[in-house]
Protein backbone atom coordinates (compact mmCIF):
# COMPACT_ATOMS: atom_id res chain seq x y z
CA MET A 1 -12.59 21.17 1.58
CA LYS A 2 -11.93 24.64 1.98
CA ASN A 3 -11.38 24.25 5.83
CA LEU A 4 -8.20 22.22 4.92
CA LYS A 5 -6.74 24.96 2.90
CA GLY A 6 -2.81 25.37 3.70
CA ARG A 7 -2.90 22.18 6.03
CA PRO A 8 -1.19 18.90 4.90
CA PHE A 9 -4.17 17.42 2.59
CA VAL A 10 -4.56 16.74 -1.02
CA LEU A 11 -7.63 15.68 -2.86
CA LEU A 12 -7.32 14.12 -6.25
CA GLY A 13 -9.82 12.61 -8.62
CA VAL A 14 -9.36 9.92 -10.95
CA HIS A 15 -12.27 9.56 -13.37
CA VAL A 16 -13.05 6.05 -14.89
CA GLY A 17 -15.14 4.57 -17.48
CA GLY A 18 -13.77 6.22 -20.67
CA THR A 19 -14.10 9.85 -19.62
CA SER A 20 -11.98 11.73 -22.21
CA VAL A 21 -9.44 14.37 -21.11
CA GLN A 22 -11.56 17.13 -22.86
CA LYS A 23 -14.74 15.78 -21.28
CA LEU A 24 -13.09 15.98 -17.86
CA LYS A 25 -11.84 19.29 -18.61
CA GLU A 26 -15.69 20.33 -19.36
CA ILE A 27 -16.63 18.56 -16.17
CA VAL A 28 -14.00 20.32 -14.15
CA THR A 29 -15.02 23.70 -15.32
CA LYS A 30 -19.06 22.97 -15.05
CA GLU A 31 -18.80 21.62 -11.56
CA GLY A 32 -16.07 23.99 -10.41
CA LEU A 33 -13.74 21.36 -8.94
CA THR A 34 -10.78 22.92 -7.42
CA TRP A 35 -8.70 19.70 -7.24
CA ARG A 36 -6.47 17.98 -9.69
CA SER A 37 -8.29 15.31 -11.53
CA PHE A 38 -7.13 12.51 -13.93
CA SER A 39 -8.93 10.71 -16.61
CA ASP A 40 -8.25 7.00 -16.73
CA ASN A 41 -8.73 5.79 -20.41
CA GLY A 42 -10.75 2.61 -20.74
CA THR A 43 -13.96 1.11 -19.64
CA ALA A 44 -14.58 1.27 -16.10
CA GLY A 45 -12.11 -0.78 -14.13
CA ALA A 46 -9.82 -1.59 -17.27
CA GLY A 47 -7.67 1.76 -17.43
CA ARG A 48 -4.25 1.78 -16.13
CA ILE A 49 -5.00 3.57 -12.83
CA ALA A 50 -7.94 1.36 -12.07
CA ARG A 51 -6.01 -1.75 -12.73
CA ALA A 52 -2.91 -0.66 -10.59
CA TRP A 53 -5.26 0.56 -7.96
CA ASN A 54 -7.86 -2.44 -7.69
CA HIS A 55 -10.32 0.33 -8.72
CA SER A 56 -13.26 -1.52 -9.86
CA MET A 57 -16.26 0.82 -9.29
CA THR A 58 -17.14 4.51 -9.20
CA PRO A 59 -17.10 6.32 -6.70
CA THR A 60 -14.47 4.66 -5.03
CA PHE A 61 -12.46 6.57 -2.14
CA PHE A 62 -9.04 6.01 -1.17
CA LEU A 63 -7.62 7.93 2.05
CA ILE A 64 -3.63 7.95 1.95
CA ASP A 65 -1.33 9.19 4.62
CA ARG A 66 1.70 11.33 4.62
CA GLU A 67 3.72 8.45 4.05
CA GLY A 68 1.75 7.08 0.93
CA ILE A 69 -0.01 4.28 2.78
CA ILE A 70 -3.55 3.45 2.01
CA ARG A 71 -5.34 4.06 5.27
CA ASN A 72 -9.03 3.64 4.07
CA LYS A 73 -10.75 2.37 0.95
CA TRP A 74 -14.58 2.96 0.48
CA ALA A 75 -16.28 1.33 -2.43
CA GLY A 76 -19.34 3.70 -2.75
CA PRO A 77 -19.83 6.84 -1.13
CA PRO A 78 -19.01 6.53 2.65
CA GLY A 79 -21.05 9.59 3.69
CA ALA A 80 -19.35 12.98 4.58
CA GLU A 81 -19.45 12.35 8.49
CA ILE A 82 -17.23 9.42 7.92
CA VAL A 83 -14.77 10.82 5.40
CA ASP A 84 -14.35 13.88 7.58
CA ALA A 85 -13.62 11.87 10.66
CA ALA A 86 -10.95 10.04 8.93
CA VAL A 87 -9.64 12.96 7.12
CA THR A 88 -9.30 14.83 10.35
CA LYS A 89 -7.63 12.08 12.26
CA LEU A 90 -4.99 11.93 9.50
CA VAL A 91 -4.44 15.79 9.08
CA ALA A 92 -3.98 16.07 12.75
CA ALA A 93 -1.23 13.05 12.48
CA ALA A 94 0.52 14.76 9.75
CA GLU A 95 0.72 18.34 11.45
CA ALA A 96 1.68 16.61 14.62
CA ALA A 97 4.64 14.77 12.99
CA SER A 98 5.78 17.95 11.14
CA ARG A 99 5.91 20.06 14.39
CA PRO A 100 9.71 20.31 15.71
CA ALA A 101 10.69 18.37 18.67
CA LYS A 102 10.70 20.23 21.93
């Protein structure tokens, strides 16, 4: 994700399945995660975030555009090439939309 630094892109993590805030902090430190992560209390799929987003398995990936619309949802790892292509497309669209009109 370093290649997206300074570009219109944000990565968020939501950990389901009862990961406590303290345990999540340990994971973030141990794994060197550089993105904001949230802990969704409750068993997998039963926490507040999981219920609101229909998030029933881990990992689940959501790709959300600049207007807050879910453009992709993958239950299970879709593979780096698929995610990279989808993210590249949305970032390019966001950059194009933010350029001043000529």
